[in-house]
Amino acid sequence: MGTAYKIRCKHCGAQFDHYMQPGYGILPMCVGCGEYVETQTVIRCPACRRRINPSQEEFNEQIEVTYQWD
């Protein structure tokens, strides 16, 4: 199962997509699993380079669309 997000950075307003690449035999670290987002793995805005996920609440405030697939 995969999860992708369309995010709008609250710092600079940039909009971008974020998703995990397949691990090709190695299990990737979970960044977004439904309601939970890993805060130990830093997600940065590609425009301003500020951190998007310092907390679950701050990450959720910036999500515009969530896509999930099997």
N, C-alpha and C. Protein backbone atom coordinates (compact mmCIF):
# COMPACT_ATOMS: atom_id res chain seq x y z
N MET A 1 0.84 -1.17 0.00
CA MET A 1 0.00 0.00 0.00
C MET A 1 0.89 1.24 0.00
N GLY A 2 0.50 2.22 -0.75
CA GLY A 2 1.25 3.47 -0.80
C GLY A 2 0.39 4.65 -0.42
N THR A 3 1.03 5.71 -0.05
CA THR A 3 0.34 6.95 0.31
C THR A 3 1.11 8.10 -0.30
N ALA A 4 0.38 9.01 -0.92
CA ALA A 4 0.98 10.22 -1.48
C ALA A 4 0.16 11.41 -0.99
N TYR A 5 0.82 12.53 -0.85
CA TYR A 5 0.17 13.74 -0.34
C TYR A 5 0.42 14.91 -1.28
N LYS A 6 -0.55 15.76 -1.43
CA LYS A 6 -0.36 17.07 -2.06
C LYS A 6 -0.31 18.04 -0.88
N ILE A 7 0.83 18.71 -0.72
CA ILE A 7 1.09 19.54 0.45
C ILE A 7 1.29 20.99 0.03
N ARG A 8 0.76 21.92 0.82
CA ARG A 8 1.04 23.34 0.64
C ARG A 8 1.80 23.80 1.88
N CYS A 9 3.04 24.21 1.68
CA CYS A 9 3.90 24.64 2.78
C CYS A 9 3.31 25.89 3.45
N LYS A 10 3.18 25.83 4.77
CA LYS A 10 2.62 26.98 5.48
C LYS A 10 3.64 28.10 5.64
N HIS A 11 4.91 27.81 5.37
CA HIS A 11 5.95 28.82 5.51
C HIS A 11 6.05 29.71 4.28
N CYS A 12 6.06 29.08 3.08
CA CYS A 12 6.27 29.86 1.85
C CYS A 12 5.12 29.75 0.86
N GLY A 13 4.18 28.82 1.10
CA GLY A 13 3.03 28.68 0.20
C GLY A 13 3.26 27.77 -0.99
N ALA A 14 4.45 27.18 -1.12
CA ALA A 14 4.73 26.29 -2.25
C ALA A 14 3.86 25.04 -2.15
N GLN A 15 3.39 24.55 -3.29
CA GLN A 15 2.60 23.33 -3.33
C GLN A 15 3.43 22.24 -4.00
N PHE A 16 3.46 21.04 -3.40
CA PHE A 16 4.25 19.94 -3.96
C PHE A 16 3.64 18.61 -3.56
N ASP A 17 4.04 17.56 -4.27
CA ASP A 17 3.60 16.20 -3.98
C ASP A 17 4.69 15.49 -3.19
N HIS A 18 4.28 14.64 -2.26
CA HIS A 18 5.24 13.86 -1.48
C HIS A 18 4.75 12.42 -1.42
N TYR A 19 5.64 11.46 -1.70
CA TYR A 19 5.31 10.04 -1.61
C TYR A 19 6.59 9.25 -1.37
N MET A 20 6.41 8.01 -0.98
CA MET A 20 7.56 7.13 -0.74
C MET A 20 7.86 6.34 -1.99
N GLN A 21 9.14 6.18 -2.31
CA GLN A 21 9.57 5.32 -3.39
C GLN A 21 9.56 3.88 -2.89
N PRO A 22 9.29 2.91 -3.77
CA PRO A 22 9.33 1.50 -3.32
C PRO A 22 10.72 1.11 -2.85
N GLY A 23 10.78 0.20 -1.89
CA GLY A 23 12.05 -0.19 -1.30
C GLY A 23 12.82 -1.24 -2.07
N TYR A 24 12.23 -1.84 -3.12
CA TYR A 24 12.89 -2.86 -3.92
C TYR A 24 13.52 -3.95 -3.06
N GLY A 25 12.67 -4.59 -2.25
CA GLY A 25 13.13 -5.68 -1.42
C GLY A 25 13.47 -5.26 0.00
N ILE A 26 13.71 -4.00 0.21
CA ILE A 26 13.98 -3.48 1.56
C ILE A 26 12.76 -2.67 1.98
N LEU A 27 12.26 -2.95 3.15
CA LEU A 27 11.07 -2.22 3.59
C LEU A 27 11.41 -0.76 3.85
N PRO A 28 10.73 0.17 3.17
CA PRO A 28 11.01 1.59 3.38
C PRO A 28 10.46 2.06 4.73
N MET A 29 11.06 3.11 5.28
CA MET A 29 10.56 3.69 6.51
C MET A 29 9.19 4.31 6.24
N CYS A 30 8.27 4.11 7.13
CA CYS A 30 6.91 4.62 6.94
C CYS A 30 6.89 6.13 7.16
N VAL A 31 6.54 6.88 6.13
CA VAL A 31 6.39 8.32 6.27
C VAL A 31 4.94 8.66 6.49
N GLY A 32 4.04 8.06 5.75
CA GLY A 32 2.62 8.32 5.93
C GLY A 32 1.81 7.05 5.85
N CYS A 33 1.25 6.61 6.94
CA CYS A 33 0.41 5.42 6.96
C CYS A 33 -0.98 5.81 7.46
N GLY A 34 -1.80 6.29 6.56
CA GLY A 34 -3.14 6.67 6.95
C GLY A 34 -3.15 7.86 7.88
N GLU A 35 -3.46 7.63 9.14
CA GLU A 35 -3.60 8.71 10.10
C GLU A 35 -2.27 9.09 10.76
N TYR A 36 -1.25 8.28 10.58
CA TYR A 36 0.02 8.50 11.29
C TYR A 36 1.12 8.92 10.32
N VAL A 37 1.88 9.93 10.66
CA VAL A 37 3.03 10.37 9.87
C VAL A 37 4.27 10.31 10.75
N GLU A 38 5.31 9.66 10.24
CA GLU A 38 6.56 9.54 10.98
C GLU A 38 7.21 10.91 11.12
N THR A 39 7.48 11.33 12.34
CA THR A 39 8.09 12.64 12.57
C THR A 39 9.61 12.54 12.77
N GLN A 40 10.14 11.32 12.85
CA GLN A 40 11.58 11.16 12.97
C GLN A 40 12.28 11.36 11.63
N THR A 41 11.58 11.03 10.53
CA THR A 41 12.10 11.22 9.18
C THR A 41 11.70 12.61 8.72
N VAL A 42 12.64 13.46 8.43
CA VAL A 42 12.36 14.85 8.07
C VAL A 42 11.83 14.94 6.65
N ILE A 43 10.72 15.64 6.49
CA ILE A 43 10.19 15.99 5.17
C ILE A 43 10.37 17.49 5.03
N ARG A 44 11.06 17.91 3.97
CA ARG A 44 11.34 19.33 3.76
C ARG A 44 10.63 19.86 2.53
N CYS A 45 10.23 21.11 2.60
CA CYS A 45 9.66 21.81 1.46
C CYS A 45 10.76 21.99 0.41
N PRO A 46 10.51 21.64 -0.85
CA PRO A 46 11.55 21.80 -1.87
C PRO A 46 11.87 23.26 -2.19
N ALA A 47 10.96 24.18 -1.88
CA ALA A 47 11.18 25.60 -2.18
C ALA A 47 11.97 26.31 -1.07
N CYS A 48 11.50 26.24 0.17
CA CYS A 48 12.14 26.99 1.26
C CYS A 48 13.00 26.11 2.16
N ARG A 49 12.93 24.77 1.97
CA ARG A 49 13.72 23.80 2.74
C ARG A 49 13.37 23.74 4.22
N ARG A 50 12.23 24.30 4.62
CA ARG A 50 11.80 24.19 6.02
C ARG A 50 11.13 22.84 6.25
N ARG A 51 11.18 22.39 7.49
CA ARG A 51 10.61 21.09 7.84
C ARG A 51 9.09 21.15 7.83
N ILE A 52 8.48 20.14 7.19
CA ILE A 52 7.02 20.06 7.06
C ILE A 52 6.40 19.26 8.20
N ASN A 53 7.14 18.31 8.77
CA ASN A 53 6.56 17.38 9.75
C ASN A 53 7.21 17.39 11.13
N PRO A 54 7.36 18.55 11.78
CA PRO A 54 7.89 18.50 13.14
C PRO A 54 6.93 17.84 14.13
N SER A 55 5.63 17.86 13.79
CA SER A 55 4.62 17.18 14.61
C SER A 55 3.51 16.69 13.70
N GLN A 56 2.74 15.74 14.19
CA GLN A 56 1.60 15.20 13.44
C GLN A 56 0.60 16.31 13.11
N GLU A 57 0.33 17.17 14.08
CA GLU A 57 -0.66 18.24 13.89
C GLU A 57 -0.21 19.23 12.82
N GLU A 58 1.05 19.63 12.85
CA GLU A 58 1.55 20.59 11.87
C GLU A 58 1.54 19.99 10.46
N PHE A 59 1.87 18.71 10.34
CA PHE A 59 1.83 18.04 9.04
C PHE A 59 0.40 18.03 8.51
N ASN A 60 -0.57 17.66 9.35
CA ASN A 60 -1.97 17.58 8.93
C ASN A 60 -2.51 18.93 8.49
N GLU A 61 -2.05 20.03 9.08
CA GLU A 61 -2.51 21.36 8.68
C GLU A 61 -2.11 21.71 7.26
N GLN A 62 -1.06 21.10 6.73
CA GLN A 62 -0.51 21.46 5.43
C GLN A 62 -0.96 20.53 4.30
N ILE A 63 -1.65 19.44 4.62
CA ILE A 63 -2.10 18.50 3.60
C ILE A 63 -3.33 19.04 2.90
N GLU A 64 -3.30 19.06 1.56
CA GLU A 64 -4.46 19.46 0.78
C GLU A 64 -5.22 18.23 0.26
N VAL A 65 -4.49 17.20 -0.19
CA VAL A 65 -5.10 15.99 -0.74
C VAL A 65 -4.24 14.79 -0.33
N THR A 66 -4.90 13.67 0.00
CA THR A 66 -4.22 12.43 0.30
C THR A 66 -4.66 11.36 -0.71
N TYR A 67 -3.69 10.66 -1.30
CA TYR A 67 -3.97 9.55 -2.23
C TYR A 67 -3.45 8.28 -1.60
N GLN A 68 -4.26 7.20 -1.67
CA GLN A 68 -3.81 5.91 -1.17
C GLN A 68 -4.12 4.84 -2.21
N TRP A 69 -3.23 3.86 -2.34
CA TRP A 69 -3.43 2.77 -3.28
C TRP A 69 -2.88 1.48 -2.68
N ASP A 70 -3.34 0.38 -3.24
CA ASP A 70 -2.89 -0.96 -2.78
C ASP A 70 -1.81 -1.49 -3.67
